[in-house]
PDB file of N, CA and C in Angstrom:
ATOM      1  N   UNK A   1      18.712-155.328  52.223  1.00  0.00           N
ATOM      2  CA  UNK A   1      18.034-154.111  52.593  1.00  0.00           C
ATOM      3  C   UNK A   1      16.790-153.974  51.833  1.00  0.00           C
ATOM      4  N   UNK A   2      16.808-154.074  50.372  1.00  0.00           N
ATOM      5  CA  UNK A   2      15.691-154.037  49.636  1.00  0.00           C
ATOM      6  C   UNK A   2      14.600-154.862  50.076  1.00  0.00           C
ATOM      7  N   UNK A   3      14.861-156.045  50.502  1.00  0.00           N
ATOM      8  CA  UNK A   3      13.898-157.009  50.861  1.00  0.00           C
ATOM      9  C   UNK A   3      13.075-156.599  52.007  1.00  0.00           C
ATOM     10  N   UNK A   4      13.631-155.647  52.779  1.00  0.00           N
ATOM     11  CA  UNK A   4      12.893-154.954  54.048  1.00  0.00           C
ATOM     12  C   UNK A   4      11.848-154.037  53.682  1.00  0.00           C
ATOM     13  N   UNK A   5      11.953-153.509  52.344  1.00  0.00           N
ATOM     14  CA  UNK A   5      10.807-152.469  51.805  1.00  0.00           C
ATOM     15  C   UNK A   5       9.998-153.100  50.624  1.00  0.00           C
ATOM     16  N   UNK A   6       9.249-153.870  50.958  1.00  0.00           N
ATOM     17  CA  UNK A   6       8.447-154.472  50.068  1.00  0.00           C
ATOM     18  C   UNK A   6       7.014-153.716  49.600  1.00  0.00           C
ATOM     19  N   UNK A   7       6.532-153.186  50.653  1.00  0.00           N
ATOM     20  CA  UNK A   7       5.428-152.453  50.587  1.00  0.00           C
ATOM     21  C   UNK A   7       5.466-150.839  50.331  1.00  0.00           C
ATOM     22  N   UNK A   8       4.739-150.305  49.496  1.00  0.00           N
ATOM     23  CA  UNK A   8       5.017-148.946  49.216  1.00  0.00           C
ATOM     24  C   UNK A   8       4.649-148.080  50.407  1.00  0.00           C
ATOM     25  N   UNK A   9       5.474-147.039  50.591  1.00  0.00           N
ATOM     26  CA  UNK A   9       5.201-146.087  51.655  1.00  0.00           C
ATOM     27  C   UNK A   9       6.264-144.867  51.465  1.00  0.00           C
ATOM     28  N   UNK A  10       6.338-144.026  52.614  1.00  0.00           N
ATOM     29  CA  UNK A  10       7.135-142.884  52.319  1.00  0.00           C
ATOM     30  C   UNK A  10       8.639-143.275  52.139  1.00  0.00           C
ATOM     31  N   UNK A  11       9.352-142.624  51.207  1.00  0.00           N
ATOM     32  CA  UNK A  11      10.670-143.064  50.954  1.00  0.00           C
ATOM     33  C   UNK A  11      11.740-142.761  52.098  1.00  0.00           C
ATOM     34  N   UNK A  12      12.432-143.549  52.565  1.00  0.00           N
ATOM     35  CA  UNK A  12      13.437-143.041  53.456  1.00  0.00           C
ATOM     36  C   UNK A  12      14.898-143.064  52.956  1.00  0.00           C
ATOM     37  N   UNK A  13      15.184-143.952  51.878  1.00  0.00           N
ATOM     38  CA  UNK A  13      16.517-144.203  51.426  1.00  0.00           C
ATOM     39  C   UNK A  13      16.334-143.961  50.002  1.00  0.00           C
ATOM     40  N   UNK A  14      17.535-143.518  49.350  1.00  0.00           N
ATOM     41  CA  UNK A  14      17.775-143.813  47.876  1.00  0.00           C
ATOM     42  C   UNK A  14      18.944-144.444  47.542  1.00  0.00           C
ATOM     43  N   UNK A  15      18.917-145.095  46.303  1.00  0.00           N
ATOM     44  CA  UNK A  15      20.229-145.663  45.755  1.00  0.00           C
ATOM     45  C   UNK A  15      20.517-145.052  44.427  1.00  0.00           C
ATOM     46  N   UNK A  16      21.737-144.746  44.246  1.00  0.00           N
ATOM     47  CA  UNK A  16      22.066-143.966  42.972  1.00  0.00           C
ATOM     48  C   UNK A  16      23.097-144.835  42.174  1.00  0.00           C
ATOM     49  N   UNK A  17      22.758-145.243  41.076  1.00  0.00           N
ATOM     50  CA  UNK A  17      23.667-146.047  40.199  1.00  0.00           C
ATOM     51  C   UNK A  17      23.490-145.441  38.869  1.00  0.00           C
ATOM     52  N   UNK A  18      24.932-144.840  38.535  1.00  0.00           N
ATOM     53  CA  UNK A  18      24.766-144.199  37.199  1.00  0.00           C
ATOM     54  C   UNK A  18      23.990-142.924  37.345  1.00  0.00           C
ATOM     55  N   UNK A  19      22.840-142.993  36.386  1.00  0.00           N
ATOM     56  CA  UNK A  19      22.031-141.902  36.302  1.00  0.00           C
ATOM     57  C   UNK A  19      20.732-142.342  36.929  1.00  0.00           C
ATOM     58  N   UNK A  20      20.630-143.549  37.551  1.00  0.00           N
ATOM     59  CA  UNK A  20      19.346-144.089  37.864  1.00  0.00           C
ATOM     60  C   UNK A  20      19.138-143.790  39.457  1.00  0.00           C
ATOM     61  N   UNK A  21      18.025-143.243  39.728  1.00  0.00           N
ATOM     62  CA  UNK A  21      17.811-143.253  41.285  1.00  0.00           C
ATOM     63  C   UNK A  21      16.667-144.120  41.680  1.00  0.00           C
ATOM     64  N   UNK A  22      16.915-144.983  42.763  1.00  0.00           N
ATOM     65  CA  UNK A  22      15.901-145.863  43.319  1.00  0.00           C
ATOM     66  C   UNK A  22      15.530-145.330  44.566  1.00  0.00           C
ATOM     67  N   UNK A  23      14.186-145.102  44.742  1.00  0.00           N
ATOM     68  CA  UNK A  23      13.833-144.731  46.089  1.00  0.00           C
ATOM     69  C   UNK A  23      13.152-146.111  47.007  1.00  0.00           C
ATOM     70  N   UNK A  24      13.673-146.082  48.173  1.00  0.00           N
ATOM     71  CA  UNK A  24      13.326-147.151  48.974  1.00  0.00           C
ATOM     72  C   UNK A  24      12.381-146.656  50.390  1.00  0.00           C
ATOM     73  N   UNK A  25      11.478-147.209  50.719  1.00  0.00           N
ATOM     74  CA  UNK A  25      10.591-148.213  49.976  1.00  0.00           C
ATOM     75  C   UNK A  25       9.839-147.397  48.577  1.00  0.00           C
ATOM     76  N   UNK A  26       9.487-148.069  47.813  1.00  0.00           N
ATOM     77  CA  UNK A  26       8.742-147.322  46.792  1.00  0.00           C
ATOM     78  C   UNK A  26       7.499-146.432  47.104  1.00  0.00           C
ATOM     79  N   UNK A  27       7.581-145.116  46.620  1.00  0.00           N
ATOM     80  CA  UNK A  27       6.614-144.288  47.017  1.00  0.00           C
ATOM     81  C   UNK A  27       5.175-144.620  46.878  1.00  0.00           C
ATOM     82  N   UNK A  28       4.415-144.302  47.917  1.00  0.00           N
ATOM     83  CA  UNK A  28       2.902-144.612  47.611  1.00  0.00           C
ATOM     84  C   UNK A  28       2.082-143.441  46.957  1.00  0.00           C
ATOM     85  N   UNK A  29       2.755-142.472  46.787  1.00  0.00           N
ATOM     86  CA  UNK A  29       2.237-141.216  46.104  1.00  0.00           C
ATOM     87  C   UNK A  29       3.217-140.710  45.094  1.00  0.00           C
ATOM     88  N   UNK A  30       2.841-139.929  44.057  1.00  0.00           N
ATOM     89  CA  UNK A  30       3.696-139.405  43.202  1.00  0.00           C
ATOM     90  C   UNK A  30       4.676-138.223  44.057  1.00  0.00           C
ATOM     91  N   UNK A  31       6.043-138.423  43.759  1.00  0.00           N
ATOM     92  CA  UNK A  31       6.967-137.646  44.176  1.00  0.00           C
ATOM     93  C   UNK A  31       7.774-136.852  43.309  1.00  0.00           C
ATOM     94  N   UNK A  32       8.431-135.765  43.459  1.00  0.00           N
ATOM     95  CA  UNK A  32       9.200-135.073  42.584  1.00  0.00           C
ATOM     96  C   UNK A  32      10.665-135.001  43.058  1.00  0.00           C
ATOM     97  N   UNK A  33      11.591-135.367  42.457  1.00  0.00           N
ATOM     98  CA  UNK A  33      13.092-135.193  42.978  1.00  0.00           C
ATOM     99  C   UNK A  33      13.748-134.229  42.174  1.00  0.00           C
ATOM    100  N   UNK A  34      14.348-133.281  42.785  1.00  0.00           N
ATOM    101  CA  UNK A  34      15.055-132.103  42.219  1.00  0.00           C
ATOM    102  C   UNK A  34      16.434-132.602  42.525  1.00  0.00           C
ATOM    103  N   UNK A  35      17.473-132.121  41.670  1.00  0.00           N
ATOM    104  CA  UNK A  35      18.986-132.188  41.789  1.00  0.00           C
ATOM    105  C   UNK A  35      19.738-131.607  40.852  1.00  0.00           C
ATOM    106  N   UNK A  36      21.057-131.479  40.901  1.00  0.00           N
ATOM    107  CA  UNK A  36      21.878-131.065  39.990  1.00  0.00           C
ATOM    108  C   UNK A  36      22.859-132.082  39.627  1.00  0.00           C
ATOM    109  N   UNK A  37      23.040-131.976  38.175  1.00  0.00           N
ATOM    110  CA  UNK A  37      23.762-132.846  37.538  1.00  0.00           C
ATOM    111  C   UNK A  37      25.022-132.154  36.637  1.00  0.00           C
ATOM    112  N   UNK A  38      26.104-132.793  36.902  1.00  0.00           N
ATOM    113  CA  UNK A  38      27.256-132.101  36.108  1.00  0.00           C
ATOM    114  C   UNK A  38      27.422-132.903  34.803  1.00  0.00           C
ATOM    115  N   UNK A  39      27.592-132.428  33.791  1.00  0.00           N
ATOM    116  CA  UNK A  39      27.730-133.213  32.384  1.00  0.00           C
ATOM    117  C   UNK A  39      28.546-132.548  31.452  1.00  0.00           C
ATOM    118  N   UNK A  40      29.303-133.194  30.553  1.00  0.00           N
ATOM    119  CA  UNK A  40      29.793-132.590  29.553  1.00  0.00           C
ATOM    120  C   UNK A  40      29.111-131.886  28.553  1.00  0.00           C
ATOM    121  N   UNK A  41      29.159-130.854  27.932  1.00  0.00           N
ATOM    122  CA  UNK A  41      28.374-129.965  27.046  1.00  0.00           C
ATOM    123  C   UNK A  41      28.202-130.856  25.723  1.00  0.00           C
ATOM    124  N   UNK A  42      27.201-130.639  24.854  1.00  0.00           N
ATOM    125  CA  UNK A  42      27.264-131.446  23.529  1.00  0.00           C
ATOM    126  C   UNK A  42      28.140-130.912  22.559  1.00  0.00           C
ATOM    127  N   UNK A  43      28.667-131.730  21.679  1.00  0.00           N
ATOM    128  CA  UNK A  43      29.798-131.079  20.899  1.00  0.00           C
ATOM    129  C   UNK A  43      29.179-130.308  19.923  1.00  0.00           C
ATOM    130  N   UNK A  44      30.105-129.265  19.228  1.00  0.00           N
ATOM    131  CA  UNK A  44      29.582-128.451  18.253  1.00  0.00           C
ATOM    132  C   UNK A  44      29.885-129.255  16.862  1.00  0.00           C
ATOM    133  N   UNK A  45      28.710-129.527  16.271  1.00  0.00           N
ATOM    134  CA  UNK A  45      28.936-130.287  14.979  1.00  0.00           C
ATOM    135  C   UNK A  45      28.399-129.448  13.798  1.00  0.00           C
ATOM    136  N   UNK A  46      27.815-128.475  14.028  1.00  0.00           N
ATOM    137  CA  UNK A  46      27.388-127.513  12.690  1.00  0.00           C
ATOM    138  C   UNK A  46      27.283-126.236  13.002  1.00  0.00           C
ATOM    139  N   UNK A  47      26.900-125.275  12.246  1.00  0.00           N
ATOM    140  CA  UNK A  47      26.742-123.857  12.436  1.00  0.00           C
ATOM    141  C   UNK A  47      25.496-123.693  13.149  1.00  0.00           C
ATOM    142  N   UNK A  48      24.658-124.465  13.198  1.00  0.00           N
ATOM    143  CA  UNK A  48      23.582-124.268  14.193  1.00  0.00           C
ATOM    144  C   UNK A  48      23.471-124.763  15.613  1.00  0.00           C
ATOM    145  N   UNK A  49      24.697-125.329  15.905  1.00  0.00           N
ATOM    146  CA  UNK A  49      24.891-125.864  17.248  1.00  0.00           C
ATOM    147  C   UNK A  49      24.947-124.590  18.328  1.00  0.00           C
ATOM    148  N   UNK A  50      24.329-124.910  19.497  1.00  0.00           N
ATOM    149  CA  UNK A  50      24.508-124.026  20.446  1.00  0.00           C
ATOM    150  C   UNK A  50      25.757-124.010  21.226  1.00  0.00           C
ATOM    151  N   UNK A  51      26.263-122.935  21.382  1.00  0.00           N
ATOM    152  CA  UNK A  51      27.727-122.853  22.024  1.00  0.00           C
ATOM    153  C   UNK A  51      27.378-122.996  23.527  1.00  0.00           C
ATOM    154  N   UNK A  52      28.155-124.065  24.066  1.00  0.00           N
ATOM    155  CA  UNK A  52      28.003-124.594  25.505  1.00  0.00           C
ATOM    156  C   UNK A  52      28.350-123.449  26.444  1.00  0.00           C
ATOM    157  N   UNK A  53      27.999-123.752  27.712  1.00  0.00           N
ATOM    158  CA  UNK A  53      28.367-123.064  28.796  1.00  0.00           C
ATOM    159  C   UNK A  53      27.577-121.870  29.166  1.00  0.00           C
ATOM    160  N   UNK A  54      26.300-122.023  28.839  1.00  0.00           N
ATOM    161  CA  UNK A  54      25.418-120.881  28.972  1.00  0.00           C
ATOM    162  C   UNK A  54      25.849-119.418  28.480  1.00  0.00           C
ATOM    163  N   UNK A  55      26.718-119.438  27.621  1.00  0.00           N
ATOM    164  CA  UNK A  55      27.119-118.285  27.070  1.00  0.00           C
ATOM    165  C   UNK A  55      28.270-117.447  27.644  1.00  0.00           C
ATOM    166  N   UNK A  56      28.791-118.186  28.854  1.00  0.00           N
ATOM    167  CA  UNK A  56      29.871-117.652  29.463  1.00  0.00           C
ATOM    168  C   UNK A  56      31.241-117.503  28.735  1.00  0.00           C
ATOM    169  N   UNK A  57      31.392-118.601  27.741  1.00  0.00           N
ATOM    170  CA  UNK A  57      32.687-118.650  26.980  1.00  0.00           C
ATOM    171  C   UNK A  57      32.286-118.422  25.403  1.00  0.00           C
ATOM    172  N   UNK A  58      31.105-117.739  25.130  1.00  0.00           N
ATOM    173  CA  UNK A  58      30.984-117.495  23.785  1.00  0.00           C
ATOM    174  C   UNK A  58      32.135-116.777  23.064  1.00  0.00           C
ATOM    175  N   UNK A  59      32.609-115.644  23.687  1.00  0.00           N
ATOM    176  CA  UNK A  59      33.563-114.790  22.969  1.00  0.00           C
ATOM    177  C   UNK A  59      35.037-115.713  22.941  1.00  0.00           C
ATOM    178  N   UNK A  60      35.094-116.381  23.795  1.00  0.00           N
ATOM    179  CA  UNK A  60      36.412-117.026  23.749  1.00  0.00           C
ATOM    180  C   UNK A  60      36.462-118.080  22.662  1.00  0.00           C
ATOM    181  N   UNK A  61      35.143-118.903  22.662  1.00  0.00           N
ATOM    182  CA  UNK A  61      35.117-120.034  21.645  1.00  0.00           C
ATOM    183  C   UNK A  61      35.061-119.293  20.293  1.00  0.00           C
ATOM    184  N   UNK A  62      34.375-118.076  20.190  1.00  0.00           N
ATOM    185  CA  UNK A  62      34.317-117.385  18.910  1.00  0.00           C
ATOM    186  C   UNK A  62      35.820-117.080  18.427  1.00  0.00           C
ATOM    187  N   UNK A  63      36.526-116.421  19.289  1.00  0.00           N
ATOM    188  CA  UNK A  63      37.838-116.060  19.015  1.00  0.00           C
ATOM    189  C   UNK A  63      38.828-117.428  18.706  1.00  0.00           C
ATOM    190  N   UNK A  64      38.607-118.378  19.295  1.00  0.00           N
ATOM    191  CA  UNK A  64      39.366-119.784  19.204  1.00  0.00           C
ATOM    192  C   UNK A  64      39.033-120.291  17.682  1.00  0.00           C
ATOM    193  N   UNK A  65      37.637-120.161  17.418  1.00  0.00           N
ATOM    194  CA  UNK A  65      37.476-120.824  15.889  1.00  0.00           C
ATOM    195  C   UNK A  65      37.927-119.749  14.873  1.00  0.00           C
ATOM    196  N   UNK A  66      38.019-118.633  15.179  1.00  0.00           N
ATOM    197  CA  UNK A  66      38.579-117.631  14.263  1.00  0.00           C
ATOM    198  C   UNK A  66      40.002-117.886  13.893  1.00  0.00           C
ATOM    199  N   UNK A  67      40.883-118.154  15.087  1.00  0.00           N
ATOM    200  CA  UNK A  67      42.092-118.400  15.242  1.00  0.00           C
ATOM    201  C   UNK A  67      42.496-119.699  14.226  1.00  0.00           C
ATOM    202  N   UNK A  68      41.510-120.682  14.528  1.00  0.00           N
ATOM    203  CA  UNK A  68      41.908-122.095  13.837  1.00  0.00           C
ATOM    204  C   UNK A  68      41.428-121.729  12.326  1.00  0.00           C
ATOM    205  N   UNK A  69      40.413-121.123  12.122  1.00  0.00           N
ATOM    206  CA  UNK A  69      40.144-120.762  10.640  1.00  0.00           C
ATOM    207  C   UNK A  69      41.295-119.912  10.129  1.00  0.00           C
ATOM    208  N   UNK A  70      42.016-119.039  10.549  1.00  0.00           N
ATOM    209  CA  UNK A  70      42.889-118.327   9.908  1.00  0.00           C
ATOM    210  C   UNK A  70      44.323-119.138   9.954  1.00  0.00           C
ATOM    211  N   UNK A  71      44.662-119.674  10.792  1.00  0.00           N
ATOM    212  CA  UNK A  71      46.037-120.416  11.148  1.00  0.00           C
ATOM    213  C   UNK A  71      46.047-121.884  10.936  1.00  0.00           C
ATOM    214  N   UNK A  72      44.903-122.361  10.814  1.00  0.00           N
ATOM    215  CA  UNK A  72      44.907-123.883  10.704  1.00  0.00           C
ATOM    216  C   UNK A  72      44.737-124.564  12.105  1.00  0.00           C
ATOM    217  N   UNK A  73      44.370-125.787  12.092  1.00  0.00           N
ATOM    218  CA  UNK A  73      44.153-126.686  13.253  1.00  0.00           C
ATOM    219  C   UNK A  73      45.529-126.670  14.078  1.00  0.00           C
ATOM    220  N   UNK A  74      46.685-126.628  13.505  1.00  0.00           N
ATOM    221  CA  UNK A  74      47.876-126.747  14.051  1.00  0.00           C
ATOM    222  C   UNK A  74      48.230-125.757  15.224  1.00  0.00           C
ATOM    223  N   UNK A  75      47.270-124.601  15.254  1.00  0.00           N
ATOM    224  CA  UNK A  75      47.551-123.621  16.123  1.00  0.00           C
ATOM    225  C   UNK A  75      47.174-124.079  17.434  1.00  0.00           C
ATOM    226  N   UNK A  76      46.352-125.037  17.538  1.00  0.00           N
ATOM    227  CA  UNK A  76      45.890-125.688  18.927  1.00  0.00           C
ATOM    228  C   UNK A  76      47.009-126.253  19.757  1.00  0.00           C
ATOM    229  N   UNK A  77      48.083-126.647  19.165  1.00  0.00           N
ATOM    230  CA  UNK A  77      49.277-126.951  19.934  1.00  0.00           C
ATOM    231  C   UNK A  77      50.213-125.748  20.156  1.00  0.00           C
ATOM    232  N   UNK A  78      50.120-124.623  19.810  1.00  0.00           N
ATOM    233  CA  UNK A  78      50.893-123.536  19.940  1.00  0.00           C
ATOM    234  C   UNK A  78      50.695-123.130  21.455  1.00  0.00           C
ATOM    235  N   UNK A  79      51.773-122.857  22.328  1.00  0.00           N
ATOM    236  CA  UNK A  79      51.614-122.625  23.691  1.00  0.00           C
ATOM    237  C   UNK A  79      50.912-121.002  23.764  1.00  0.00           C
ATOM    238  N   UNK A  80      51.135-120.206  22.744  1.00  0.00           N
ATOM    239  CA  UNK A  80      50.498-118.994  22.979  1.00  0.00           C
ATOM    240  C   UNK A  80      48.886-119.060  22.875  1.00  0.00           C
ATOM    241  N   UNK A  81      48.383-120.022  21.944  1.00  0.00           N
ATOM    242  CA  UNK A  81      46.970-120.297  21.728  1.00  0.00           C
ATOM    243  C   UNK A  81      46.369-120.916  23.212  1.00  0.00           C
ATOM    244  N   UNK A  82      47.184-121.793  23.774  1.00  0.00           N
ATOM    245  CA  UNK A  82      46.779-122.626  24.855  1.00  0.00           C
ATOM    246  C   UNK A  82      46.650-121.520  26.088  1.00  0.00           C
ATOM    247  N   UNK A  83      47.557-120.644  26.170  1.00  0.00           N
ATOM    248  CA  UNK A  83      47.529-119.645  27.174  1.00  0.00           C
ATOM    249  C   UNK A  83      46.617-118.692  27.151  1.00  0.00           C
ATOM    250  N   UNK A  84      46.118-118.357  25.637  1.00  0.00           N
ATOM    251  CA  UNK A  84      45.123-117.404  25.509  1.00  0.00           C
ATOM    252  C   UNK A  84      43.824-118.223  26.012  1.00  0.00           C
ATOM    253  N   UNK A  85      43.594-119.419  25.696  1.00  0.00           N
ATOM    254  CA  UNK A  85      42.244-120.010  26.164  1.00  0.00           C
ATOM    255  C   UNK A  85      42.270-120.241  27.655  1.00  0.00           C
ATOM    256  N   UNK A  86      43.436-120.518  28.328  1.00  0.00           N
ATOM    257  CA  UNK A  86      43.397-120.729  29.657  1.00  0.00           C
ATOM    258  C   UNK A  86      43.124-119.269  30.421  1.00  0.00           C
ATOM    259  N   UNK A  87      43.566-118.133  29.641  1.00  0.00           N
ATOM    260  CA  UNK A  87      43.254-116.959  30.289  1.00  0.00           C
ATOM    261  C   UNK A  87      41.808-116.473  30.139  1.00  0.00           C
ATOM    262  N   UNK A  88      41.222-116.881  28.897  1.00  0.00           N
ATOM    263  CA  UNK A  88      39.766-116.748  28.709  1.00  0.00           C
ATOM    264  C   UNK A  88      38.791-117.504  29.708  1.00  0.00           C
ATOM    265  N   UNK A  89      39.244-118.594  29.901  1.00  0.00           N
ATOM    266  CA  UNK A  89      38.399-119.571  30.824  1.00  0.00           C
ATOM    267  C   UNK A  89      38.742-119.043  32.295  1.00  0.00           C
ATOM    268  N   UNK A  90      39.669-118.593  32.840  1.00  0.00           N
ATOM    269  CA  UNK A  90      40.044-118.269  33.919  1.00  0.00           C
ATOM    270  C   UNK A  90      39.116-116.900  34.115  1.00  0.00           C
ATOM    271  N   UNK A  91      38.881-116.047  33.362  1.00  0.00           N
ATOM    272  CA  UNK A  91      38.063-114.859  33.478  1.00  0.00           C
ATOM    273  C   UNK A  91      36.603-115.150  33.814  1.00  0.00           C
ATOM    274  N   UNK A  92      36.110-116.404  33.422  1.00  0.00           N
ATOM    275  CA  UNK A  92      34.730-116.672  33.727  1.00  0.00           C
ATOM    276  C   UNK A  92      34.595-117.908  34.801  1.00  0.00           C
ATOM    277  N   UNK A  93      35.649-118.602  35.010  1.00  0.00           N
ATOM    278  CA  UNK A  93      35.751-119.817  35.903  1.00  0.00           C
ATOM    279  C   UNK A  93      35.008-119.350  37.304  1.00  0.00           C
ATOM    280  N   UNK A  94      35.531-118.388  37.818  1.00  0.00           N
ATOM    281  CA  UNK A  94      34.908-117.791  39.142  1.00  0.00           C
ATOM    282  C   UNK A  94      33.289-117.633  39.204  1.00  0.00           C
ATOM    283  N   UNK A  95      32.723-117.586  38.017  1.00  0.00           N
ATOM    284  CA  UNK A  95      31.455-117.226  38.024  1.00  0.00           C
ATOM    285  C   UNK A  95      30.390-118.509  38.290  1.00  0.00           C
ATOM    286  N   UNK A  96      31.182-119.593  37.941  1.00  0.00           N
ATOM    287  CA  UNK A  96      30.233-120.893  38.318  1.00  0.00           C
ATOM    288  C   UNK A  96      30.588-121.269  39.625  1.00  0.00           C
ATOM    289  N   UNK A  97      29.382-121.823  40.387  1.00  0.00           N
ATOM    290  CA  UNK A  97      29.570-122.193  41.751  1.00  0.00           C
ATOM    291  C   UNK A  97      30.346-123.534  41.635  1.00  0.00           C
ATOM    292  N   UNK A  98      31.175-123.557  43.002  1.00  0.00           N
ATOM    293  CA  UNK A  98      31.975-124.673  43.168  1.00  0.00           C
ATOM    294  C   UNK A  98      31.141-126.083  43.260  1.00  0.00           C
ATOM    295  N   UNK A  99      31.479-127.218  42.771  1.00  0.00           N
ATOM    296  CA  UNK A  99      30.710-128.525  43.139  1.00  0.00           C
ATOM    297  C   UNK A  99      31.018-128.848  44.515  1.00  0.00           C
ATOM    298  N   UNK A 100      29.933-129.110  45.075  1.00  0.00           N
ATOM    299  CA  UNK A 100      29.902-129.525  46.564  1.00  0.00           C
ATOM    300  C   UNK A 100      29.379-130.961  46.633  1.00  0.00           C
ATOM    301  N   UNK A 101      29.928-131.799  46.289  1.00  0.00           N
ATOM    302  CA  UNK A 101      29.559-133.302  46.299  1.00  0.00           C
ATOM    303  C   UNK A 101      29.971-133.915  47.618  1.00  0.00           C
ATOM    304  N   UNK A 102      29.170-134.056  48.510  1.00  0.00           N
ATOM    305  CA  UNK A 102      29.823-134.676  49.699  1.00  0.00           C
ATOM    306  C   UNK A 102      28.699-135.774  50.001  1.00  0.00           C
ATOM    307  N   UNK A 103      29.215-136.995  49.778  1.00  0.00           N
ATOM    308  CA  UNK A 103      28.575-138.165  49.922  1.00  0.00           C
ATOM    309  C   UNK A 103      29.456-139.182  50.691  1.00  0.00           C
ATOM    310  N   UNK A 104      29.127-139.726  51.797  1.00  0.00           N
ATOM    311  CA  UNK A 104      30.011-140.825  52.353  1.00  0.00           C
ATOM    312  C   UNK A 104      28.844-142.071  52.749  1.00  0.00           C
ATOM    313  N   UNK A 105      28.937-142.932  51.713  1.00  0.00           N
ATOM    314  CA  UNK A 105      27.878-143.969  52.035  1.00  0.00           C
ATOM    315  C   UNK A 105      28.024-144.822  53.088  1.00  0.00           C
ATOM    316  N   UNK A 106      26.961-145.184  53.812  1.00  0.00           N
ATOM    317  CA  UNK A 106      27.349-146.099  54.996  1.00  0.00           C
ATOM    318  C   UNK A 106      27.702-147.423  54.429  1.00  0.00           C
ATOM    319  N   UNK A 107      28.149-148.439  55.322  1.00  0.00           N
ATOM    320  CA  UNK A 107      28.378-149.795  54.568  1.00  0.00           C
ATOM    321  C   UNK A 107      27.538-150.372  53.852  1.00  0.00           C
ATOM    322  N   UNK A 108      26.159-150.155  53.754  1.00  0.00           N
ATOM    323  CA  UNK A 108      25.132-150.750  52.959  1.00  0.00           C
ATOM    324  C   UNK A 108      25.326-150.099  51.344  1.00  0.00           C
ATOM    325  N   UNK A 109      25.814-148.792  51.462  1.00  0.00           N
ATOM    326  CA  UNK A 109      26.126-148.276  49.980  1.00  0.00           C
ATOM    327  C   UNK A 109      24.775-147.488  49.834  1.00  0.00           C
ATOM    328  N   UNK A 110      24.092-147.243  50.931  1.00  0.00           N
ATOM    329  CA  UNK A 110      22.746-146.382  50.644  1.00  0.00           C
ATOM    330  C   UNK A 110      22.862-145.266  51.652  1.00  0.00           C
ATOM    331  N   UNK A 111      22.315-144.204  51.355  1.00  0.00           N
ATOM    332  CA  UNK A 111      22.285-143.046  52.024  1.00  0.00           C
ATOM    333  C   UNK A 111      20.889-142.661  52.646  1.00  0.00           C
ATOM    334  N   UNK A 112      20.709-142.242  53.740  1.00  0.00           N
ATOM    335  CA  UNK A 112      19.466-141.850  54.281  1.00  0.00           C
ATOM    336  C   UNK A 112      18.970-140.298  53.716  1.00  0.00           C
ATOM    337  N   UNK A 113      17.932-140.188  53.158  1.00  0.00           N
ATOM    338  CA  UNK A 113      17.499-139.061  52.429  1.00  0.00           C
ATOM    339  C   UNK A 113      16.089-138.748  53.002  1.00  0.00           C
ATOM    340  N   UNK A 114      16.036-137.585  53.514  1.00  0.00           N
ATOM    341  CA  UNK A 114      14.829-136.986  53.972  1.00  0.00           C
ATOM    342  C   UNK A 114      14.032-136.446  53.030  1.00  0.00           C
ATOM    343  N   UNK A 115      12.801-136.915  52.508  1.00  0.00           N
ATOM    344  CA  UNK A 115      11.944-136.297  51.600  1.00  0.00           C
ATOM    345  C   UNK A 115      10.982-135.559  52.188  1.00  0.00           C
ATOM    346  N   UNK A 116      10.662-134.525  51.598  1.00  0.00           N
ATOM    347  CA  UNK A 116       9.314-133.720  52.349  1.00  0.00           C
ATOM    348  C   UNK A 116       8.008-133.912  51.510  1.00  0.00           C
TER     349      UNK A 116
END
């Protein structure tokens, strides 16, 4: 398939491998590609780390850290602690839009993408 698109022109197809997007054929002008990506938040490593999830779970994470500081790390296996965290996450879970990833690749493994 790639052999058919040797000359630059308007892209008709894209190929996604891991985090690399390849446009076919190669664009003959600069293009901007917008998209959403779901990744794991960066780990909390020190007191200046940003609490993840755009502030939605700040209170729950703060409470959890305080409980761990007061009772030790062993509290994380306590069913009451796990239930508390599950309840806190459930309170904000509905605020995040559901993932809607619908991709059925044709036999070539490429999808047709209409670019404006």
